[in-house]
C-alpha atoms as a PDB file:
ATOM      1  CA  MET A   1     -32.685 -34.596   0.254  1.00  0.00           C
ATOM      2  CA  THR A   2     -29.351 -36.496   0.528  1.00  0.00           C
ATOM      3  CA  ASP A   3     -31.121 -39.512   2.091  1.00  0.00           C
ATOM      4  CA  THR A   4     -33.724 -39.742  -0.713  1.00  0.00           C
ATOM      5  CA  ILE A   5     -31.275 -40.900  -3.412  1.00  0.00           C
ATOM      6  CA  ASP A   6     -30.710 -44.673  -3.709  1.00  0.00           C
ATOM      7  CA  ARG A   7     -27.013 -44.500  -4.564  1.00  0.00           C
ATOM      8  CA  GLN A   8     -26.636 -48.219  -5.063  1.00  0.00           C
ATOM      9  CA  ASN A   9     -29.337 -48.261  -7.701  1.00  0.00           C
ATOM     10  CA  LEU A  10     -27.961 -45.071  -9.175  1.00  0.00           C
ATOM     11  CA  LEU A  11     -24.491 -46.645  -9.639  1.00  0.00           C
ATOM     12  CA  ALA A  12     -26.069 -49.590 -11.513  1.00  0.00           C
ATOM     13  CA  ARG A  13     -27.815 -47.145 -13.893  1.00  0.00           C
ATOM     14  CA  LEU A  14     -24.728 -44.964 -14.359  1.00  0.00           C
ATOM     15  CA  ARG A  15     -22.578 -47.836 -15.640  1.00  0.00           C
ATOM     16  CA  PRO A  16     -24.327 -48.366 -19.009  1.00  0.00           C
ATOM     17  CA  ILE A  17     -24.366 -44.581 -19.569  1.00  0.00           C
ATOM     18  CA  ALA A  18     -20.621 -44.416 -18.999  1.00  0.00           C
ATOM     19  CA  GLU A  19     -20.099 -47.418 -21.269  1.00  0.00           C
ATOM     20  CA  ALA A  20     -22.155 -45.836 -24.056  1.00  0.00           C
ATOM     21  CA  ALA A  21     -20.114 -42.695 -23.759  1.00  0.00           C
ATOM     22  CA  GLY A  22     -16.946 -44.710 -23.844  1.00  0.00           C
ATOM     23  CA  ALA A  23     -18.114 -46.414 -27.030  1.00  0.00           C
ATOM     24  CA  ALA A  24     -18.767 -43.042 -28.631  1.00  0.00           C
ATOM     25  CA  ILE A  25     -15.304 -41.892 -27.660  1.00  0.00           C
ATOM     26  CA  MET A  26     -13.699 -44.996 -29.060  1.00  0.00           C
ATOM     27  CA  GLU A  27     -15.446 -44.491 -32.401  1.00  0.00           C
ATOM     28  CA  VAL A  28     -13.692 -41.105 -32.723  1.00  0.00           C
ATOM     29  CA  TYR A  29     -10.403 -42.571 -31.289  1.00  0.00           C
ATOM     30  CA  ALA A  30     -10.306 -44.942 -34.229  1.00  0.00           C
ATOM     31  CA  THR A  31     -10.332 -42.131 -36.757  1.00  0.00           C
ATOM     32  CA  ASP A  32      -7.917 -39.377 -37.877  1.00  0.00           C
ATOM     33  CA  PHE A  33      -9.821 -36.856 -35.725  1.00  0.00           C
ATOM     34  CA  ASP A  34      -9.320 -33.095 -35.678  1.00  0.00           C
ATOM     35  CA  VAL A  35      -8.236 -31.173 -32.586  1.00  0.00           C
ATOM     36  CA  ASP A  36      -9.693 -27.693 -31.822  1.00  0.00           C
ATOM     37  CA  ASP A  37      -8.903 -25.194 -29.085  1.00  0.00           C
ATOM     38  CA  LYS A  38     -11.355 -24.035 -26.433  1.00  0.00           C
ATOM     39  CA  SER A  39     -11.460 -20.430 -25.345  1.00  0.00           C
ATOM     40  CA  ASP A  40      -9.043 -21.271 -22.497  1.00  0.00           C
ATOM     41  CA  GLY A  41      -6.598 -22.778 -24.876  1.00  0.00           C
ATOM     42  CA  SER A  42      -7.256 -26.410 -23.870  1.00  0.00           C
ATOM     43  CA  PRO A  43      -7.883 -28.970 -26.629  1.00  0.00           C
ATOM     44  CA  VAL A  44     -11.281 -30.398 -27.562  1.00  0.00           C
ATOM     45  CA  THR A  45     -12.290 -33.070 -30.084  1.00  0.00           C
ATOM     46  CA  ALA A  46     -15.450 -34.553 -31.562  1.00  0.00           C
ATOM     47  CA  ALA A  47     -15.158 -37.243 -28.868  1.00  0.00           C
ATOM     48  CA  ASP A  48     -15.726 -34.651 -26.112  1.00  0.00           C
ATOM     49  CA  HIS A  49     -18.902 -33.494 -27.750  1.00  0.00           C
ATOM     50  CA  ALA A  50     -20.177 -36.984 -28.598  1.00  0.00           C
ATOM     51  CA  ALA A  51     -19.696 -38.271 -25.054  1.00  0.00           C
ATOM     52  CA  ASP A  52     -21.333 -35.128 -23.650  1.00  0.00           C
ATOM     53  CA  ALA A  53     -24.440 -35.760 -25.704  1.00  0.00           C
ATOM     54  CA  VAL A  54     -24.666 -39.423 -24.715  1.00  0.00           C
ATOM     55  CA  ILE A  55     -24.253 -38.722 -21.048  1.00  0.00           C
ATOM     56  CA  TYR A  56     -26.635 -35.813 -20.861  1.00  0.00           C
ATOM     57  CA  LYS A  57     -29.389 -37.795 -22.611  1.00  0.00           C
ATOM     58  CA  GLY A  58     -28.770 -40.871 -20.391  1.00  0.00           C
ATOM     59  CA  LEU A  59     -28.796 -38.902 -17.154  1.00  0.00           C
ATOM     60  CA  ARG A  60     -31.918 -36.980 -18.153  1.00  0.00           C
ATOM     61  CA  GLU A  61     -33.681 -40.300 -18.727  1.00  0.00           C
ATOM     62  CA  ILE A  62     -32.754 -42.002 -15.440  1.00  0.00           C
ATOM     63  CA  ALA A  63     -32.936 -38.926 -13.166  1.00  0.00           C
ATOM     64  CA  PRO A  64     -34.996 -36.148 -14.772  1.00  0.00           C
ATOM     65  CA  ASP A  65     -35.250 -34.175 -11.479  1.00  0.00           C
ATOM     66  CA  ILE A  66     -31.514 -33.889 -10.878  1.00  0.00           C
ATOM     67  CA  HIS A  67     -29.621 -31.040 -12.560  1.00  0.00           C
ATOM     68  CA  ILE A  68     -26.732 -31.915 -14.845  1.00  0.00           C
ATOM     69  CA  VAL A  69     -23.560 -29.929 -15.092  1.00  0.00           C
ATOM     70  CA  THR A  70     -21.016 -31.039 -17.740  1.00  0.00           C
ATOM     71  CA  GLU A  71     -17.729 -29.364 -18.624  1.00  0.00           C
ATOM     72  CA  GLU A  72     -18.958 -28.409 -22.072  1.00  0.00           C
ATOM     73  CA  ARG A  73     -22.301 -27.080 -20.877  1.00  0.00           C
ATOM     74  CA  PHE A  74     -20.927 -25.160 -17.974  1.00  0.00           C
ATOM     75  CA  LYS A  75     -18.480 -23.362 -20.195  1.00  0.00           C
ATOM     76  CA  ALA A  76     -21.444 -22.502 -22.439  1.00  0.00           C
ATOM     77  CA  GLY A  77     -23.118 -20.713 -19.558  1.00  0.00           C
ATOM     78  CA  ASP A  78     -25.013 -23.447 -17.710  1.00  0.00           C
ATOM     79  CA  ALA A  79     -25.581 -22.710 -13.962  1.00  0.00           C
ATOM     80  CA  VAL A  80     -25.003 -24.830 -10.873  1.00  0.00           C
ATOM     81  CA  PRO A  81     -27.906 -25.239  -8.460  1.00  0.00           C
ATOM     82  CA  GLU A  82     -27.363 -23.575  -5.114  1.00  0.00           C
ATOM     83  CA  ASP A  83     -28.721 -26.229  -2.794  1.00  0.00           C
ATOM     84  CA  ALA A  84     -29.945 -29.222  -4.690  1.00  0.00           C
ATOM     85  CA  PRO A  85     -27.939 -32.338  -5.655  1.00  0.00           C
ATOM     86  CA  PHE A  86     -26.559 -32.274  -9.141  1.00  0.00           C
ATOM     87  CA  PHE A  87     -24.571 -34.476 -11.549  1.00  0.00           C
ATOM     88  CA  LEU A  88     -21.078 -33.260 -12.351  1.00  0.00           C
ATOM     89  CA  VAL A  89     -19.628 -34.659 -15.566  1.00  0.00           C
ATOM     90  CA  ASP A  90     -16.398 -34.547 -17.504  1.00  0.00           C
ATOM     91  CA  PRO A  91     -17.341 -36.463 -20.681  1.00  0.00           C
ATOM     92  CA  LEU A  92     -13.713 -36.881 -21.704  1.00  0.00           C
ATOM     93  CA  ASP A  93     -11.152 -36.298 -19.001  1.00  0.00           C
ATOM     94  CA  GLY A  94      -7.574 -36.368 -20.295  1.00  0.00           C
ATOM     95  CA  THR A  95      -8.137 -35.004 -23.744  1.00  0.00           C
ATOM     96  CA  ARG A  96      -4.353 -34.587 -24.070  1.00  0.00           C
ATOM     97  CA  GLU A  97      -3.953 -38.339 -23.340  1.00  0.00           C
ATOM     98  CA  PHE A  98      -6.660 -39.020 -25.954  1.00  0.00           C
ATOM     99  CA  ILE A  99      -4.756 -36.980 -28.531  1.00  0.00           C
ATOM    100  CA  ARG A 100      -1.474 -38.770 -27.602  1.00  0.00           C
ATOM    101  CA  ARG A 101      -3.367 -42.091 -27.975  1.00  0.00           C
ATOM    102  CA  ASN A 102      -1.875 -43.529 -24.753  1.00  0.00           C
ATOM    103  CA  GLY A 103      -5.266 -44.791 -23.486  1.00  0.00           C
ATOM    104  CA  GLU A 104      -5.190 -42.909 -20.232  1.00  0.00           C
ATOM    105  CA  PHE A 105      -8.414 -40.867 -20.645  1.00  0.00           C
ATOM    106  CA  THR A 106     -11.664 -41.370 -18.838  1.00  0.00           C
ATOM    107  CA  VAL A 107     -15.390 -40.745 -18.667  1.00  0.00           C
ATOM    108  CA  ASN A 108     -16.205 -39.102 -15.280  1.00  0.00           C
ATOM    109  CA  ILE A 109     -19.767 -38.969 -13.894  1.00  0.00           C
ATOM    110  CA  ALA A 110     -20.416 -37.915 -10.257  1.00  0.00           C
ATOM    111  CA  LEU A 111     -23.335 -37.051  -8.023  1.00  0.00           C
ATOM    112  CA  VAL A 112     -22.692 -34.067  -5.733  1.00  0.00           C
ATOM    113  CA  GLU A 113     -24.813 -33.709  -2.616  1.00  0.00           C
ATOM    114  CA  ASP A 114     -24.365 -31.006   0.008  1.00  0.00           C
ATOM    115  CA  GLY A 115     -21.023 -29.955  -1.550  1.00  0.00           C
ATOM    116  CA  ARG A 116     -19.615 -33.541  -1.533  1.00  0.00           C
ATOM    117  CA  PRO A 117     -19.291 -36.108  -4.297  1.00  0.00           C
ATOM    118  CA  THR A 118     -21.243 -39.067  -2.964  1.00  0.00           C
ATOM    119  CA  ALA A 119     -21.333 -41.369  -5.997  1.00  0.00           C
ATOM    120  CA  GLY A 120     -19.246 -41.643  -9.088  1.00  0.00           C
ATOM    121  CA  ILE A 121     -17.985 -43.721 -11.946  1.00  0.00           C
ATOM    122  CA  VAL A 122     -14.746 -43.453 -13.829  1.00  0.00           C
ATOM    123  CA  LEU A 123     -14.428 -45.420 -17.072  1.00  0.00           C
ATOM    124  CA  ALA A 124     -11.197 -45.807 -19.062  1.00  0.00           C
ATOM    125  CA  PRO A 125     -12.583 -47.280 -22.317  1.00  0.00           C
ATOM    126  CA  ALA A 126      -9.278 -47.793 -24.081  1.00  0.00           C
ATOM    127  CA  LEU A 127      -7.866 -49.669 -21.101  1.00  0.00           C
ATOM    128  CA  GLY A 128     -10.920 -51.794 -20.414  1.00  0.00           C
ATOM    129  CA  ARG A 129     -11.025 -50.536 -16.803  1.00  0.00           C
ATOM    130  CA  ALA A 130     -13.874 -49.023 -14.804  1.00  0.00           C
ATOM    131  CA  PHE A 131     -14.165 -47.890 -11.198  1.00  0.00           C
ATOM    132  CA  TRP A 132     -17.351 -46.876  -9.358  1.00  0.00           C
ATOM    133  CA  GLY A 133     -18.437 -46.289  -5.791  1.00  0.00           C
ATOM    134  CA  ALA A 134     -20.708 -44.445  -3.490  1.00  0.00           C
ATOM    135  CA  ALA A 135     -20.988 -43.368   0.170  1.00  0.00           C
ATOM    136  CA  GLY A 136     -22.571 -46.128   2.170  1.00  0.00           C
ATOM    137  CA  VAL A 137     -22.232 -48.643  -0.680  1.00  0.00           C
ATOM    138  CA  GLY A 138     -18.489 -49.311  -1.259  1.00  0.00           C
ATOM    139  CA  ALA A 139     -16.239 -49.192  -4.264  1.00  0.00           C
ATOM    140  CA  PHE A 140     -15.761 -51.601  -7.136  1.00  0.00           C
ATOM    141  CA  ALA A 141     -13.610 -52.042 -10.242  1.00  0.00           C
ATOM    142  CA  SER A 142     -13.986 -53.920 -13.484  1.00  0.00           C
ATOM    143  CA  ASP A 143     -10.939 -55.087 -15.560  1.00  0.00           C
ATOM    144  CA  ASN A 144     -12.192 -56.230 -18.937  1.00  0.00           C
ATOM    145  CA  GLY A 145     -15.499 -57.291 -17.413  1.00  0.00           C
ATOM    146  CA  GLU A 146     -14.259 -58.938 -14.219  1.00  0.00           C
ATOM    147  CA  VAL A 147     -15.835 -57.102 -11.302  1.00  0.00           C
ATOM    148  CA  ARG A 148     -14.290 -56.987  -7.825  1.00  0.00           C
ATOM    149  CA  GLU A 149     -14.657 -54.899  -4.715  1.00  0.00           C
ATOM    150  CA  ILE A 150     -11.744 -52.555  -4.001  1.00  0.00           C
ATOM    151  CA  ALA A 151     -10.361 -50.784  -0.991  1.00  0.00           C
ATOM    152  CA  ALA A 152      -7.631 -48.230  -0.386  1.00  0.00           C
ATOM    153  CA  ARG A 153      -4.637 -49.732   1.420  1.00  0.00           C
ATOM    154  CA  THR A 154      -2.262 -48.927   4.236  1.00  0.00           C
ATOM    155  CA  PRO A 155       1.122 -48.141   2.682  1.00  0.00           C
ATOM    156  CA  PRO A 156       3.444 -51.205   2.847  1.00  0.00           C
ATOM    157  CA  PRO A 157       6.550 -51.198   5.124  1.00  0.00           C
ATOM    158  CA  ALA A 158       8.839 -50.502   2.158  1.00  0.00           C
ATOM    159  CA  GLY A 159       7.194 -47.082   1.670  1.00  0.00           C
ATOM    160  CA  TRP A 160       4.536 -45.133  -0.094  1.00  0.00           C
ATOM    161  CA  THR A 161       3.740 -45.278  -3.806  1.00  0.00           C
ATOM    162  CA  ALA A 162       3.139 -41.753  -5.030  1.00  0.00           C
ATOM    163  CA  ILE A 163       1.241 -41.055  -8.278  1.00  0.00           C
ATOM    164  CA  GLY A 164       1.237 -37.920 -10.330  1.00  0.00           C
ATOM    165  CA  SER A 165      -0.007 -36.434 -13.515  1.00  0.00           C
ATOM    166  CA  ARG A 166       1.411 -37.461 -16.827  1.00  0.00           C
ATOM    167  CA  SER A 167       0.623 -34.150 -18.434  1.00  0.00           C
ATOM    168  CA  HIS A 168       0.815 -31.696 -15.540  1.00  0.00           C
ATOM    169  CA  THR A 169       3.681 -31.706 -13.015  1.00  0.00           C
ATOM    170  CA  SER A 170       4.727 -29.197 -10.433  1.00  0.00           C
ATOM    171  CA  ARG A 171       7.773 -28.871  -8.136  1.00  0.00           C
ATOM    172  CA  GLU A 172       5.322 -27.822  -5.443  1.00  0.00           C
ATOM    173  CA  ASP A 173       3.793 -31.293  -5.576  1.00  0.00           C
ATOM    174  CA  ALA A 174       6.926 -32.674  -4.000  1.00  0.00           C
ATOM    175  CA  ARG A 175       6.374 -30.446  -1.019  1.00  0.00           C
ATOM    176  CA  LEU A 176       3.281 -32.449  -0.063  1.00  0.00           C
ATOM    177  CA  LEU A 177       5.418 -35.627   0.006  1.00  0.00           C
ATOM    178  CA  GLU A 178       7.915 -34.260   2.525  1.00  0.00           C
ATOM    179  CA  GLY A 179       8.332 -36.529   5.528  1.00  0.00           C
ATOM    180  CA  LEU A 180       7.250 -39.633   3.613  1.00  0.00           C
ATOM    181  CA  THR A 181       9.338 -42.653   2.576  1.00  0.00           C
ATOM    182  CA  VAL A 182       8.442 -42.831  -1.102  1.00  0.00           C
ATOM    183  CA  ALA A 183       9.394 -46.269  -2.464  1.00  0.00           C
ATOM    184  CA  GLU A 184       7.892 -45.769  -5.970  1.00  0.00           C
ATOM    185  CA  THR A 185       6.598 -43.012  -8.139  1.00  0.00           C
ATOM    186  CA  LYS A 186       4.021 -43.591 -10.904  1.00  0.00           C
ATOM    187  CA  GLN A 187       2.386 -41.418 -13.501  1.00  0.00           C
ATOM    188  CA  ALA A 188      -1.129 -41.665 -14.880  1.00  0.00           C
ATOM    189  CA  GLY A 189      -3.462 -39.477 -16.873  1.00  0.00           C
ATOM    190  CA  SER A 190      -6.881 -38.136 -16.047  1.00  0.00           C
ATOM    191  CA  SER A 191      -8.821 -39.212 -12.928  1.00  0.00           C
ATOM    192  CA  LEU A 192      -7.199 -42.641 -12.983  1.00  0.00           C
ATOM    193  CA  LYS A 193      -4.908 -41.406 -10.285  1.00  0.00           C
ATOM    194  CA  PHE A 194      -7.678 -41.364  -7.714  1.00  0.00           C
ATOM    195  CA  CYS A 195      -8.866 -44.784  -8.835  1.00  0.00           C
ATOM    196  CA  LEU A 196      -5.428 -46.417  -8.572  1.00  0.00           C
ATOM    197  CA  ILE A 197      -5.245 -45.256  -4.944  1.00  0.00           C
ATOM    198  CA  ALA A 198      -8.827 -46.536  -4.414  1.00  0.00           C
ATOM    199  CA  ALA A 199      -7.727 -49.947  -5.804  1.00  0.00           C
ATOM    200  CA  GLY A 200      -4.668 -50.210  -3.583  1.00  0.00           C
ATOM    201  CA  GLU A 201      -2.228 -49.697  -6.478  1.00  0.00           C
ATOM    202  CA  ALA A 202      -0.882 -46.415  -5.096  1.00  0.00           C
ATOM    203  CA  ASP A 203      -0.974 -44.481  -1.863  1.00  0.00           C
ATOM    204  CA  ILE A 204      -0.848 -40.730  -2.465  1.00  0.00           C
ATOM    205  CA  TYR A 205      -1.539 -38.125  -5.141  1.00  0.00           C
ATOM    206  CA  PRO A 206      -0.511 -34.518  -4.507  1.00  0.00           C
ATOM    207  CA  ARG A 207      -1.821 -31.758  -6.772  1.00  0.00           C
ATOM    208  CA  MET A 208      -0.537 -28.273  -6.348  1.00  0.00           C
ATOM    209  CA  GLY A 209      -1.891 -27.025  -9.646  1.00  0.00           C
ATOM    210  CA  PRO A 210      -5.141 -25.942 -11.280  1.00  0.00           C
ATOM    211  CA  THR A 211      -7.981 -28.385 -11.825  1.00  0.00           C
ATOM    212  CA  MET A 212     -11.723 -28.061 -12.209  1.00  0.00           C
ATOM    213  CA  GLU A 213     -14.371 -29.740 -10.134  1.00  0.00           C
ATOM    214  CA  TRP A 214     -15.496 -31.989 -12.991  1.00  0.00           C
ATOM    215  CA  ASP A 215     -11.849 -33.282 -13.198  1.00  0.00           C
ATOM    216  CA  THR A 216     -11.966 -34.620  -9.676  1.00  0.00           C
ATOM    217  CA  ALA A 217     -15.503 -35.290  -8.437  1.00  0.00           C
ATOM    218  CA  ALA A 218     -16.011 -38.824  -9.792  1.00  0.00           C
ATOM    219  CA  GLY A 219     -12.519 -39.974  -8.807  1.00  0.00           C
ATOM    220  CA  GLN A 220     -12.930 -38.532  -5.357  1.00  0.00           C
ATOM    221  CA  ALA A 221     -16.278 -40.324  -4.939  1.00  0.00           C
ATOM    222  CA  VAL A 222     -14.650 -43.610  -5.813  1.00  0.00           C
ATOM    223  CA  LEU A 223     -11.651 -43.053  -3.591  1.00  0.00           C
ATOM    224  CA  GLU A 224     -13.695 -42.013  -0.582  1.00  0.00           C
ATOM    225  CA  ALA A 225     -16.069 -44.961  -1.067  1.00  0.00           C
ATOM    226  CA  ALA A 226     -12.930 -47.195  -0.967  1.00  0.00           C
ATOM    227  CA  GLY A 227     -11.881 -45.743   2.404  1.00  0.00           C
ATOM    228  CA  GLY A 228      -9.507 -43.041   1.105  1.00  0.00           C
ATOM    229  CA  HIS A 229      -9.547 -39.258   1.506  1.00  0.00           C
ATOM    230  CA  VAL A 230      -9.141 -36.002  -0.493  1.00  0.00           C
ATOM    231  CA  VAL A 231      -8.231 -32.921   1.539  1.00  0.00           C
ATOM    232  CA  THR A 232      -6.743 -29.505   1.128  1.00  0.00           C
ATOM    233  CA  PRO A 233      -3.049 -29.106   2.024  1.00  0.00           C
ATOM    234  CA  GLU A 234      -4.333 -27.842   5.422  1.00  0.00           C
ATOM    235  CA  GLY A 235      -6.252 -31.056   5.961  1.00  0.00           C
ATOM    236  CA  VAL A 236      -9.739 -29.709   5.326  1.00  0.00           C
ATOM    237  CA  PRO A 237     -12.120 -32.058   3.474  1.00  0.00           C
ATOM    238  CA  PHE A 238     -12.216 -31.162  -0.236  1.00  0.00           C
ATOM    239  CA  ALA A 239     -15.599 -29.555  -0.988  1.00  0.00           C
ATOM    240  CA  TYR A 240     -17.576 -28.710  -4.190  1.00  0.00           C
ATOM    241  CA  ARG A 241     -19.702 -25.880  -5.613  1.00  0.00           C
ATOM    242  CA  LYS A 242     -16.783 -23.512  -5.373  1.00  0.00           C
ATOM    243  CA  PRO A 243     -16.876 -20.199  -7.414  1.00  0.00           C
ATOM    244  CA  GLY A 244     -16.468 -21.048 -11.147  1.00  0.00           C
ATOM    245  CA  LEU A 245     -16.095 -24.711 -10.136  1.00  0.00           C
ATOM    246  CA  ARG A 246     -12.377 -24.082  -9.785  1.00  0.00           C
ATOM    247  CA  ASN A 247     -10.412 -26.347  -7.483  1.00  0.00           C
ATOM    248  CA  GLY A 248      -7.691 -25.301  -5.154  1.00  0.00           C
ATOM    249  CA  TYR A 249      -4.719 -27.491  -4.288  1.00  0.00           C
ATOM    250  CA  PHE A 250      -5.396 -30.930  -2.784  1.00  0.00           C
ATOM    251  CA  LEU A 251      -3.909 -34.137  -1.572  1.00  0.00           C
ATOM    252  CA  ALA A 252      -5.534 -37.535  -2.209  1.00  0.00           C
ATOM    253  CA  PHE A 253      -4.469 -40.525  -0.214  1.00  0.00           C
ATOM    254  CA  GLY A 254      -5.578 -43.934   1.073  1.00  0.00           C
ATOM    255  CA  ARG A 255      -6.154 -45.076   4.598  1.00  0.00           C
ATOM    256  CA  VAL A 256      -3.192 -43.388   6.184  1.00  0.00           C
ATOM    257  CA  ARG A 257      -3.011 -39.635   6.596  1.00  0.00           C
ATOM    258  CA  PRO A 258       0.465 -38.303   5.620  1.00  0.00           C
ATOM    259  CA  PRO A 259       2.400 -36.210   8.140  1.00  0.00           C
ATOM    260  CA  SER A 260       2.016 -33.058   6.014  1.00  0.00           C
ATOM    261  CA  VAL A 261      -1.727 -32.914   6.754  1.00  0.00           C
ATOM    262  CA  ALA A 262      -1.802 -34.537  10.170  1.00  0.00           C
END
């Protein structure tokens, strides 16, 4: 079944869906919106729900035979197919960044096949940036409409650029950087961290903290399409369809494997 999906055509059809969701998010962003709490204590806004509706409708139209799992619908009891490919969606990744109005929130749409994200798009509507890629196709970025192909880099001689979460940090993250010469440390919200590595703007992103599969799938698809990698701390490829869609710890990096997972 994996070989029956035209990923290049799929990426072209995902872009307008992500852009429509981004527009719906920005409509809310321009208002004095309310913030509610989900059952797990995390924040949610009208923008999360608006983007979810736009994406679900768009994906159903372009691929009616592929199951759709979104953050909001999964938490409402939607199931994940056992064997078939499915879309995995975070309509608004980085709700805390959205609330803080720093622009570092994204729309994440991924296709998962055989436990692996094989195609994905990450759109940061407030920043005018988008990243997309697929296995066998390559990775691309758009900065305010200017499209270019992107590739993960080999760390420069001066050292690695590490990137971490703006809202979630852990002392344990530093353990995954041991043995590296870190020349610069950056912070970014949402799935942008994967994309900055894919675009050659950073080299490594350690995460020793909780995430969900919809937080990472689209970014991982872009990064791997750009020649990068996402693995467990033990060096095992990072897989999907885990119980409850809960992620374990991981390390994302570009073309060079760090000593900690060699």
